[in-house]
Amino acid sequence: MFEHRLRDDAALIEACLEARLGGWGSLPVVEGMRYATRGGKALRGHLVLETARLHDVSSERAVLAAAAIEAVHAYSLVHDDLPCMDDDDLRRGQPTVHVRWDEATAVLVGDALQSLAFELLSDPACHPDPAVRLDLVASLARAAGGQGMVLGQAQDIAAESADEPLGLEAITALQANKTGALIVWSAEAGARLGGAESGPLRRYAQALGLAFQIADDILDVEGDAAAAGKRLQKDAAAGKATFVSLLGLEEAKARAAALVNEAMAALAGYGARAEGLREAARFVVARRT
């Protein structure tokens, strides 16, 4: 069952991160790093491990790349929750890092998690070939930085003070950066580790990332805050454009379903071996948290 595999992979990734942080002591910044990387679904890390399996790369090797993307994702959430950003006090059903400790600690936790990601990717245990490790480092830097996730975050902040809400094309481009870039990197990582061509996985992940964000927007309207572990309907309250506000609820659901079909079609060349990735695509729009 997909959700069992997802939980197993999340546990594997969490154990990898805990092992890496095991000798770092118990200062608030280290405890904050542990705190921020626990309790998530680890979907991005699961995509790394699943695409690695697709290319006959062992989980023992691929888990370092999976832990790296989860460290980057956790850092992004810690910083996104800060009062100067989205100002959230709840994440995964627990107080956010700046609430649990303080804002300065939260900034440092995010900084340290980002650095840890590149330390993990540069470890020879991730791949024996330095050129492959460098490719992983460089590609994640692009996906996470000013050409990817950070660009999307900056576009989102700029939209808050824009004279008019963003249109569908602009919000699609924004989310392809803010949400999609790390999902694309995750799906391509297995091919990078296996020395294989990654075009089909990129097409899969581009559709998946957009479906994921549309599903998030739907959950923000229809979801249960207790199940989600965070505040909902913030975007609507702030008057921000979302896929639901632009398309309407039913059309947003239809668009997400069409994107899932598009993602699964991109996997046709892999045959039955890619069934786990197809299940991940179906999960993205069926999830309730």
C-alpha atoms as a PDB file:
ATOM      1  CA  MET A   1       0.000   0.000   0.000  1.00  0.00           C
ATOM      2  CA  PHE A   2       1.343   3.414  -1.014  1.00  0.00           C
ATOM      3  CA  GLU A   3       0.843   5.150   2.325  1.00  0.00           C
ATOM      4  CA  HIS A   4       2.748   2.371   4.097  1.00  0.00           C
ATOM      5  CA  ARG A   5       5.700   2.816   1.724  1.00  0.00           C
ATOM      6  CA  LEU A   6       5.520   6.560   2.228  1.00  0.00           C
ATOM      7  CA  ARG A   7       5.690   6.104   6.009  1.00  0.00           C
ATOM      8  CA  ASP A   8       8.544   3.608   5.705  1.00  0.00           C
ATOM      9  CA  ASP A   9      10.527   6.019   3.546  1.00  0.00           C
ATOM     10  CA  ALA A  10       9.803   8.903   5.938  1.00  0.00           C
ATOM     11  CA  ALA A  11      11.151   6.791   8.812  1.00  0.00           C
ATOM     12  CA  LEU A  12      14.268   5.912   6.812  1.00  0.00           C
ATOM     13  CA  ILE A  13      14.905   9.583   6.023  1.00  0.00           C
ATOM     14  CA  GLU A  14      14.273  10.669   9.605  1.00  0.00           C
ATOM     15  CA  ALA A  15      16.731   8.043  10.854  1.00  0.00           C
ATOM     16  CA  CYS A  16      19.341   9.282   8.379  1.00  0.00           C
ATOM     17  CA  LEU A  17      18.942  12.874   9.557  1.00  0.00           C
ATOM     18  CA  GLU A  18      18.976  11.848  13.210  1.00  0.00           C
ATOM     19  CA  ALA A  19      22.158   9.842  12.672  1.00  0.00           C
ATOM     20  CA  ARG A  20      23.813  12.853  11.016  1.00  0.00           C
ATOM     21  CA  LEU A  21      22.773  15.178  13.853  1.00  0.00           C
ATOM     22  CA  GLY A  22      23.524  12.634  16.573  1.00  0.00           C
ATOM     23  CA  GLY A  23      26.889  14.080  17.510  1.00  0.00           C
ATOM     24  CA  TRP A  24      25.948  17.723  17.181  1.00  0.00           C
ATOM     25  CA  GLY A  25      24.892  18.228  20.797  1.00  0.00           C
ATOM     26  CA  SER A  26      21.726  19.763  22.178  1.00  0.00           C
ATOM     27  CA  LEU A  27      21.970  23.506  21.612  1.00  0.00           C
ATOM     28  CA  PRO A  28      18.626  25.079  20.654  1.00  0.00           C
ATOM     29  CA  VAL A  29      19.667  25.363  17.004  1.00  0.00           C
ATOM     30  CA  VAL A  30      20.354  21.609  16.808  1.00  0.00           C
ATOM     31  CA  GLU A  31      17.210  20.688  18.710  1.00  0.00           C
ATOM     32  CA  GLY A  32      15.326  22.978  16.356  1.00  0.00           C
ATOM     33  CA  MET A  33      16.773  21.157  13.342  1.00  0.00           C
ATOM     34  CA  ARG A  34      15.594  17.824  14.759  1.00  0.00           C
ATOM     35  CA  TYR A  35      12.189  19.293  15.570  1.00  0.00           C
ATOM     36  CA  ALA A  36      11.723  20.790  12.094  1.00  0.00           C
ATOM     37  CA  THR A  37      12.538  17.569  10.244  1.00  0.00           C
ATOM     38  CA  ARG A  38      10.153  15.315  12.185  1.00  0.00           C
ATOM     39  CA  GLY A  39       6.540  14.499  11.486  1.00  0.00           C
ATOM     40  CA  GLY A  40       6.173  15.355   7.813  1.00  0.00           C
ATOM     41  CA  LYS A  41       4.985  13.112   4.992  1.00  0.00           C
ATOM     42  CA  ALA A  42       8.419  13.295   3.304  1.00  0.00           C
ATOM     43  CA  LEU A  43       6.809  13.145  -0.137  1.00  0.00           C
ATOM     44  CA  ARG A  44       9.813  14.800  -1.781  1.00  0.00           C
ATOM     45  CA  GLY A  45      12.204  12.374  -0.144  1.00  0.00           C
ATOM     46  CA  HIS A  46       9.960   9.503  -1.149  1.00  0.00           C
ATOM     47  CA  LEU A  47      10.149  10.642  -4.783  1.00  0.00           C
ATOM     48  CA  VAL A  48      13.950  10.535  -4.557  1.00  0.00           C
ATOM     49  CA  LEU A  49      13.886   6.999  -3.177  1.00  0.00           C
ATOM     50  CA  GLU A  50      11.196   5.791  -5.590  1.00  0.00           C
ATOM     51  CA  THR A  51      12.964   7.148  -8.674  1.00  0.00           C
ATOM     52  CA  ALA A  52      16.224   5.682  -7.378  1.00  0.00           C
ATOM     53  CA  ARG A  53      14.558   2.263  -7.145  1.00  0.00           C
ATOM     54  CA  LEU A  54      13.360   2.753 -10.703  1.00  0.00           C
ATOM     55  CA  HIS A  55      17.025   3.011 -11.728  1.00  0.00           C
ATOM     56  CA  ASP A  56      18.312   0.186  -9.482  1.00  0.00           C
ATOM     57  CA  VAL A  57      20.016   2.569  -7.050  1.00  0.00           C
ATOM     58  CA  SER A  58      20.026   1.262  -3.481  1.00  0.00           C
ATOM     59  CA  SER A  59      18.055   3.065  -0.795  1.00  0.00           C
ATOM     60  CA  GLU A  60      21.197   3.064   1.365  1.00  0.00           C
ATOM     61  CA  ARG A  61      22.813   5.406  -1.156  1.00  0.00           C
ATOM     62  CA  ALA A  62      19.731   7.337  -2.245  1.00  0.00           C
ATOM     63  CA  VAL A  63      18.610   8.126   1.306  1.00  0.00           C
ATOM     64  CA  LEU A  64      21.287  10.814   1.561  1.00  0.00           C
ATOM     65  CA  ALA A  65      19.754  12.677  -1.381  1.00  0.00           C
ATOM     66  CA  ALA A  66      16.286  12.068   0.063  1.00  0.00           C
ATOM     67  CA  ALA A  67      17.401  13.485   3.415  1.00  0.00           C
ATOM     68  CA  ALA A  68      18.947  16.456   1.618  1.00  0.00           C
ATOM     69  CA  ILE A  69      15.702  17.466  -0.085  1.00  0.00           C
ATOM     70  CA  GLU A  70      13.767  17.030   3.161  1.00  0.00           C
ATOM     71  CA  ALA A  71      16.314  19.265   4.934  1.00  0.00           C
ATOM     72  CA  VAL A  72      15.815  21.960   2.279  1.00  0.00           C
ATOM     73  CA  HIS A  73      12.039  21.601   2.469  1.00  0.00           C
ATOM     74  CA  ALA A  74      12.112  21.849   6.271  1.00  0.00           C
ATOM     75  CA  TYR A  75      14.310  24.951   6.091  1.00  0.00           C
ATOM     76  CA  SER A  76      11.853  26.564   3.686  1.00  0.00           C
ATOM     77  CA  LEU A  77       8.950  25.894   6.049  1.00  0.00           C
ATOM     78  CA  VAL A  78      10.803  27.229   9.098  1.00  0.00           C
ATOM     79  CA  HIS A  79      11.583  30.474   7.298  1.00  0.00           C
ATOM     80  CA  ASP A  80       8.153  30.679   5.634  1.00  0.00           C
ATOM     81  CA  ASP A  81       6.485  30.488   9.062  1.00  0.00           C
ATOM     82  CA  LEU A  82       8.415  33.480  10.438  1.00  0.00           C
ATOM     83  CA  PRO A  83       6.495  36.660  11.358  1.00  0.00           C
ATOM     84  CA  CYS A  84       8.220  38.566   8.544  1.00  0.00           C
ATOM     85  CA  MET A  85       6.953  35.990   6.025  1.00  0.00           C
ATOM     86  CA  ASP A  86       3.635  34.121   6.452  1.00  0.00           C
ATOM     87  CA  ASP A  87       3.553  34.492  10.256  1.00  0.00           C
ATOM     88  CA  ASP A  88       2.278  31.027  11.165  1.00  0.00           C
ATOM     89  CA  ASP A  89       2.242  29.638  14.680  1.00  0.00           C
ATOM     90  CA  LEU A  90       1.336  26.033  13.826  1.00  0.00           C
ATOM     91  CA  ARG A  91       3.030  23.485  11.561  1.00  0.00           C
ATOM     92  CA  ARG A  92       2.348  19.740  11.430  1.00  0.00           C
ATOM     93  CA  GLY A  93       0.128  20.149  14.475  1.00  0.00           C
ATOM     94  CA  GLN A  94       2.966  21.588  16.583  1.00  0.00           C
ATOM     95  CA  PRO A  95       4.131  25.117  17.424  1.00  0.00           C
ATOM     96  CA  THR A  96       6.361  26.498  14.687  1.00  0.00           C
ATOM     97  CA  VAL A  97      10.086  26.776  15.419  1.00  0.00           C
ATOM     98  CA  HIS A  98      10.053  30.500  16.163  1.00  0.00           C
ATOM     99  CA  VAL A  99       7.143  29.967  18.583  1.00  0.00           C
ATOM    100  CA  ARG A 100       8.776  26.944  20.251  1.00  0.00           C
ATOM    101  CA  TRP A 101      12.092  28.809  20.620  1.00  0.00           C
ATOM    102  CA  ASP A 102      12.474  32.332  19.172  1.00  0.00           C
ATOM    103  CA  GLU A 103      12.875  34.087  15.827  1.00  0.00           C
ATOM    104  CA  ALA A 104      16.670  34.175  15.869  1.00  0.00           C
ATOM    105  CA  THR A 105      16.840  30.440  16.542  1.00  0.00           C
ATOM    106  CA  ALA A 106      14.363  29.792  13.726  1.00  0.00           C
ATOM    107  CA  VAL A 107      16.494  31.762  11.256  1.00  0.00           C
ATOM    108  CA  LEU A 108      19.584  29.796  12.275  1.00  0.00           C
ATOM    109  CA  VAL A 109      17.726  26.469  12.154  1.00  0.00           C
ATOM    110  CA  GLY A 110      16.729  27.189   8.565  1.00  0.00           C
ATOM    111  CA  ASP A 111      20.245  28.278   7.649  1.00  0.00           C
ATOM    112  CA  ALA A 112      21.764  25.163   9.189  1.00  0.00           C
ATOM    113  CA  LEU A 113      19.284  22.813   7.499  1.00  0.00           C
ATOM    114  CA  GLN A 114      20.066  24.314   4.108  1.00  0.00           C
ATOM    115  CA  SER A 115      23.801  23.831   4.695  1.00  0.00           C
ATOM    116  CA  LEU A 116      23.209  20.269   5.897  1.00  0.00           C
ATOM    117  CA  ALA A 117      21.499  19.401   2.606  1.00  0.00           C
ATOM    118  CA  PHE A 118      24.624  20.172   0.600  1.00  0.00           C
ATOM    119  CA  GLU A 119      26.827  18.393   3.127  1.00  0.00           C
ATOM    120  CA  LEU A 120      24.726  15.260   2.618  1.00  0.00           C
ATOM    121  CA  LEU A 121      24.913  15.462  -1.174  1.00  0.00           C
ATOM    122  CA  SER A 122      28.687  15.956  -1.119  1.00  0.00           C
ATOM    123  CA  ASP A 123      29.239  12.845   1.030  1.00  0.00           C
ATOM    124  CA  PRO A 124      30.941  10.059  -0.987  1.00  0.00           C
ATOM    125  CA  ALA A 125      28.363   7.674   0.490  1.00  0.00           C
ATOM    126  CA  CYS A 126      25.764   9.453  -1.672  1.00  0.00           C
ATOM    127  CA  HIS A 127      27.602   8.478  -4.862  1.00  0.00           C
ATOM    128  CA  PRO A 128      31.211   7.363  -5.494  1.00  0.00           C
ATOM    129  CA  ASP A 129      31.598   9.648  -8.531  1.00  0.00           C
ATOM    130  CA  PRO A 130      32.424  13.270  -7.558  1.00  0.00           C
ATOM    131  CA  ALA A 131      30.913  14.495 -10.837  1.00  0.00           C
ATOM    132  CA  VAL A 132      27.532  13.002  -9.912  1.00  0.00           C
ATOM    133  CA  ARG A 133      27.704  14.522  -6.449  1.00  0.00           C
ATOM    134  CA  LEU A 134      28.564  17.916  -7.947  1.00  0.00           C
ATOM    135  CA  ASP A 135      25.630  17.620 -10.350  1.00  0.00           C
ATOM    136  CA  LEU A 136      23.291  16.900  -7.437  1.00  0.00           C
ATOM    137  CA  VAL A 137      24.654  19.862  -5.459  1.00  0.00           C
ATOM    138  CA  ALA A 138      24.469  22.290  -8.399  1.00  0.00           C
ATOM    139  CA  SER A 139      20.995  21.203  -9.489  1.00  0.00           C
ATOM    140  CA  LEU A 140      19.585  21.464  -5.958  1.00  0.00           C
ATOM    141  CA  ALA A 141      21.178  24.900  -5.547  1.00  0.00           C
ATOM    142  CA  ARG A 142      19.345  26.046  -8.682  1.00  0.00           C
ATOM    143  CA  ALA A 143      16.054  24.448  -7.636  1.00  0.00           C
ATOM    144  CA  ALA A 144      16.165  25.904  -4.130  1.00  0.00           C
ATOM    145  CA  GLY A 145      17.535  29.360  -4.876  1.00  0.00           C
ATOM    146  CA  GLY A 146      16.906  32.472  -6.914  1.00  0.00           C
ATOM    147  CA  GLN A 147      15.975  30.465 -10.009  1.00  0.00           C
ATOM    148  CA  GLY A 148      13.535  28.201  -8.169  1.00  0.00           C
ATOM    149  CA  MET A 149      11.926  28.069  -4.749  1.00  0.00           C
ATOM    150  CA  VAL A 150      13.257  31.375  -3.429  1.00  0.00           C
ATOM    151  CA  LEU A 151      12.241  33.106  -6.659  1.00  0.00           C
ATOM    152  CA  GLY A 152       8.728  31.736  -6.217  1.00  0.00           C
ATOM    153  CA  GLN A 153       8.623  32.940  -2.632  1.00  0.00           C
ATOM    154  CA  ALA A 154       9.749  36.401  -3.725  1.00  0.00           C
ATOM    155  CA  GLN A 155       7.080  36.429  -6.440  1.00  0.00           C
ATOM    156  CA  ASP A 156       4.499  35.470  -3.829  1.00  0.00           C
ATOM    157  CA  ILE A 157       5.554  38.288  -1.516  1.00  0.00           C
ATOM    158  CA  ALA A 158       5.503  40.796  -4.377  1.00  0.00           C
ATOM    159  CA  ALA A 159       1.989  39.673  -5.302  1.00  0.00           C
ATOM    160  CA  GLU A 160       0.724  40.614  -1.843  1.00  0.00           C
ATOM    161  CA  SER A 161       1.322  44.311  -2.523  1.00  0.00           C
ATOM    162  CA  ALA A 162       0.500  44.296  -6.231  1.00  0.00           C
ATOM    163  CA  ASP A 163      -2.273  46.573  -7.471  1.00  0.00           C
ATOM    164  CA  GLU A 164      -4.204  43.589  -8.842  1.00  0.00           C
ATOM    165  CA  PRO A 165      -4.269  39.875  -7.945  1.00  0.00           C
ATOM    166  CA  LEU A 166      -2.234  37.582 -10.178  1.00  0.00           C
ATOM    167  CA  GLY A 167      -3.907  35.907 -13.136  1.00  0.00           C
ATOM    168  CA  LEU A 168      -3.828  32.193 -13.896  1.00  0.00           C
ATOM    169  CA  GLU A 169      -0.665  32.284 -16.013  1.00  0.00           C
ATOM    170  CA  ALA A 170       1.256  34.275 -13.391  1.00  0.00           C
ATOM    171  CA  ILE A 171       0.133  32.102 -10.459  1.00  0.00           C
ATOM    172  CA  THR A 172       1.050  28.976 -12.437  1.00  0.00           C
ATOM    173  CA  ALA A 173       4.569  30.339 -13.064  1.00  0.00           C
ATOM    174  CA  LEU A 174       4.909  31.395  -9.417  1.00  0.00           C
ATOM    175  CA  GLN A 175       3.940  27.976  -8.102  1.00  0.00           C
ATOM    176  CA  ALA A 176       6.162  26.186 -10.619  1.00  0.00           C
ATOM    177  CA  ASN A 177       9.006  27.931  -8.784  1.00  0.00           C
ATOM    178  CA  LYS A 178       7.784  28.032  -5.187  1.00  0.00           C
ATOM    179  CA  THR A 179       6.399  24.490  -4.973  1.00  0.00           C
ATOM    180  CA  GLY A 180       7.317  22.768  -8.207  1.00  0.00           C
ATOM    181  CA  ALA A 181      11.084  23.268  -8.372  1.00  0.00           C
ATOM    182  CA  LEU A 182      11.878  21.031  -5.384  1.00  0.00           C
ATOM    183  CA  ILE A 183       9.396  18.390  -6.535  1.00  0.00           C
ATOM    184  CA  VAL A 184      11.033  18.312  -9.972  1.00  0.00           C
ATOM    185  CA  TRP A 185      14.485  17.962  -8.405  1.00  0.00           C
ATOM    186  CA  SER A 186      13.213  15.124  -6.219  1.00  0.00           C
ATOM    187  CA  ALA A 187      11.824  13.175  -9.167  1.00  0.00           C
ATOM    188  CA  GLU A 188      14.960  13.693 -11.247  1.00  0.00           C
ATOM    189  CA  ALA A 189      17.344  12.712  -8.448  1.00  0.00           C
ATOM    190  CA  GLY A 190      16.989   8.967  -9.003  1.00  0.00           C
ATOM    191  CA  ALA A 191      17.901   9.356 -12.663  1.00  0.00           C
ATOM    192  CA  ARG A 192      20.884  11.525 -11.738  1.00  0.00           C
ATOM    193  CA  LEU A 193      22.052   8.891  -9.251  1.00  0.00           C
ATOM    194  CA  GLY A 194      21.531   6.145 -11.817  1.00  0.00           C
ATOM    195  CA  GLY A 195      23.172   7.962 -14.727  1.00  0.00           C
ATOM    196  CA  ALA A 196      19.955   7.892 -16.741  1.00  0.00           C
ATOM    197  CA  GLU A 197      18.055  10.396 -18.872  1.00  0.00           C
ATOM    198  CA  SER A 198      15.552  12.293 -16.739  1.00  0.00           C
ATOM    199  CA  GLY A 199      13.221  13.920 -19.298  1.00  0.00           C
ATOM    200  CA  PRO A 200      10.154  11.742 -18.606  1.00  0.00           C
ATOM    201  CA  LEU A 201      10.572  12.179 -14.852  1.00  0.00           C
ATOM    202  CA  ARG A 202      10.841  15.946 -15.291  1.00  0.00           C
ATOM    203  CA  ARG A 203       7.566  15.990 -17.243  1.00  0.00           C
ATOM    204  CA  TYR A 204       5.981  13.780 -14.589  1.00  0.00           C
ATOM    205  CA  ALA A 205       7.143  16.049 -11.782  1.00  0.00           C
ATOM    206  CA  GLN A 206       6.146  19.295 -13.465  1.00  0.00           C
ATOM    207  CA  ALA A 207       2.572  18.056 -13.727  1.00  0.00           C
ATOM    208  CA  LEU A 208       2.722  16.544 -10.244  1.00  0.00           C
ATOM    209  CA  GLY A 209       4.017  19.759  -8.655  1.00  0.00           C
ATOM    210  CA  LEU A 210       1.206  21.824 -10.126  1.00  0.00           C
ATOM    211  CA  ALA A 211      -1.380  19.214  -9.099  1.00  0.00           C
ATOM    212  CA  PHE A 212       0.091  19.267  -5.588  1.00  0.00           C
ATOM    213  CA  GLN A 213      -0.333  23.037  -5.314  1.00  0.00           C
ATOM    214  CA  ILE A 214      -3.878  22.978  -6.672  1.00  0.00           C
ATOM    215  CA  ALA A 215      -4.696  20.256  -4.133  1.00  0.00           C
ATOM    216  CA  ASP A 216      -3.209  22.475  -1.401  1.00  0.00           C
ATOM    217  CA  ASP A 217      -5.435  25.349  -2.496  1.00  0.00           C
ATOM    218  CA  ILE A 218      -8.452  23.034  -2.431  1.00  0.00           C
ATOM    219  CA  LEU A 219      -7.534  21.790   1.048  1.00  0.00           C
ATOM    220  CA  ASP A 220      -7.219  25.395   2.209  1.00  0.00           C
ATOM    221  CA  VAL A 221     -10.917  25.764   1.385  1.00  0.00           C
ATOM    222  CA  GLU A 222     -12.304  22.314   2.192  1.00  0.00           C
ATOM    223  CA  GLY A 223      -9.779  20.861   4.630  1.00  0.00           C
ATOM    224  CA  ASP A 224      -9.908  20.351   8.367  1.00  0.00           C
ATOM    225  CA  ALA A 225      -7.405  22.471  10.295  1.00  0.00           C
ATOM    226  CA  ALA A 226      -6.903  19.814  12.969  1.00  0.00           C
ATOM    227  CA  ALA A 227      -6.081  17.182  10.357  1.00  0.00           C
ATOM    228  CA  ALA A 228      -3.896  19.568   8.369  1.00  0.00           C
ATOM    229  CA  GLY A 229      -1.991  20.645  11.474  1.00  0.00           C
ATOM    230  CA  LYS A 230      -1.925  24.286  10.364  1.00  0.00           C
ATOM    231  CA  ARG A 231      -4.198  27.267   9.919  1.00  0.00           C
ATOM    232  CA  LEU A 232      -6.387  27.186   6.823  1.00  0.00           C
ATOM    233  CA  GLN A 233      -8.133  29.799   4.645  1.00  0.00           C
ATOM    234  CA  LYS A 234      -5.363  32.339   5.195  1.00  0.00           C
ATOM    235  CA  ASP A 235      -4.998  33.092   1.484  1.00  0.00           C
ATOM    236  CA  ALA A 236      -8.693  33.851   1.082  1.00  0.00           C
ATOM    237  CA  ALA A 237      -8.631  36.089   4.144  1.00  0.00           C
ATOM    238  CA  ALA A 238      -5.663  37.982   2.701  1.00  0.00           C
ATOM    239  CA  GLY A 239      -7.305  38.302  -0.713  1.00  0.00           C
ATOM    240  CA  LYS A 240      -4.493  36.351  -2.441  1.00  0.00           C
ATOM    241  CA  ALA A 241      -5.068  34.712  -5.804  1.00  0.00           C
ATOM    242  CA  THR A 242      -5.163  30.919  -5.715  1.00  0.00           C
ATOM    243  CA  PHE A 243      -6.155  28.259  -8.210  1.00  0.00           C
ATOM    244  CA  VAL A 244      -9.502  27.974  -6.437  1.00  0.00           C
ATOM    245  CA  SER A 245     -10.163  31.717  -6.508  1.00  0.00           C
ATOM    246  CA  LEU A 246      -9.217  31.859 -10.199  1.00  0.00           C
ATOM    247  CA  LEU A 247     -10.851  28.655 -11.431  1.00  0.00           C
ATOM    248  CA  GLY A 248     -13.557  27.926  -8.911  1.00  0.00           C
ATOM    249  CA  LEU A 249     -13.585  24.831  -6.722  1.00  0.00           C
ATOM    250  CA  GLU A 250     -14.925  22.301  -9.215  1.00  0.00           C
ATOM    251  CA  GLU A 251     -12.742  23.484 -12.092  1.00  0.00           C
ATOM    252  CA  ALA A 252      -9.701  23.420  -9.789  1.00  0.00           C
ATOM    253  CA  LYS A 253     -10.496  19.799  -8.916  1.00  0.00           C
ATOM    254  CA  ALA A 254     -10.860  18.947 -12.589  1.00  0.00           C
ATOM    255  CA  ARG A 255      -7.551  20.658 -13.409  1.00  0.00           C
ATOM    256  CA  ALA A 256      -5.756  18.733 -10.648  1.00  0.00           C
ATOM    257  CA  ALA A 257      -7.189  15.434 -11.900  1.00  0.00           C
ATOM    258  CA  ALA A 258      -6.115  16.227 -15.475  1.00  0.00           C
ATOM    259  CA  LEU A 259      -2.594  17.005 -14.269  1.00  0.00           C
ATOM    260  CA  VAL A 260      -2.425  13.681 -12.440  1.00  0.00           C
ATOM    261  CA  ASN A 261      -3.349  11.930 -15.686  1.00  0.00           C
ATOM    262  CA  GLU A 262      -0.664  13.963 -17.466  1.00  0.00           C
ATOM    263  CA  ALA A 263       1.905  12.967 -14.853  1.00  0.00           C
ATOM    264  CA  MET A 264       1.037   9.292 -15.160  1.00  0.00           C
ATOM    265  CA  ALA A 265       1.155   9.438 -18.967  1.00  0.00           C
ATOM    266  CA  ALA A 266       4.745  10.704 -18.753  1.00  0.00           C
ATOM    267  CA  LEU A 267       5.698   7.408 -17.081  1.00  0.00           C
ATOM    268  CA  ALA A 268       4.448   5.170 -19.906  1.00  0.00           C
ATOM    269  CA  GLY A 269       7.961   4.203 -20.980  1.00  0.00           C
ATOM    270  CA  TYR A 270       8.773   2.742 -17.564  1.00  0.00           C
ATOM    271  CA  GLY A 271       5.909   0.253 -17.608  1.00  0.00           C
ATOM    272  CA  ALA A 272       4.845  -1.480 -14.410  1.00  0.00           C
ATOM    273  CA  ARG A 273       8.062  -0.500 -12.615  1.00  0.00           C
ATOM    274  CA  ALA A 274       6.733   3.053 -12.227  1.00  0.00           C
ATOM    275  CA  GLU A 275       3.506   2.042 -10.481  1.00  0.00           C
ATOM    276  CA  GLY A 276       4.761   3.510  -7.209  1.00  0.00           C
ATOM    277  CA  LEU A 277       5.172   6.891  -8.886  1.00  0.00           C
ATOM    278  CA  ARG A 278       1.674   6.618 -10.337  1.00  0.00           C
ATOM    279  CA  GLU A 279       0.346   5.941  -6.847  1.00  0.00           C
ATOM    280  CA  ALA A 280       2.210   9.017  -5.601  1.00  0.00           C
ATOM    281  CA  ALA A 281       0.441  11.119  -8.231  1.00  0.00           C
ATOM    282  CA  ARG A 282      -2.962   9.763  -7.232  1.00  0.00           C
ATOM    283  CA  PHE A 283      -2.121  10.369  -3.564  1.00  0.00           C
ATOM    284  CA  VAL A 284      -1.327  14.036  -4.178  1.00  0.00           C
ATOM    285  CA  VAL A 285      -4.916  14.878  -5.092  1.00  0.00           C
ATOM    286  CA  ALA A 286      -6.591  12.376  -2.742  1.00  0.00           C
ATOM    287  CA  ARG A 287      -4.754  13.418   0.448  1.00  0.00           C
ATOM    288  CA  ARG A 288      -6.630  15.202   3.216  1.00  0.00           C
ATOM    289  CA  THR A 289      -3.595  16.836   4.877  1.00  0.00           C
END
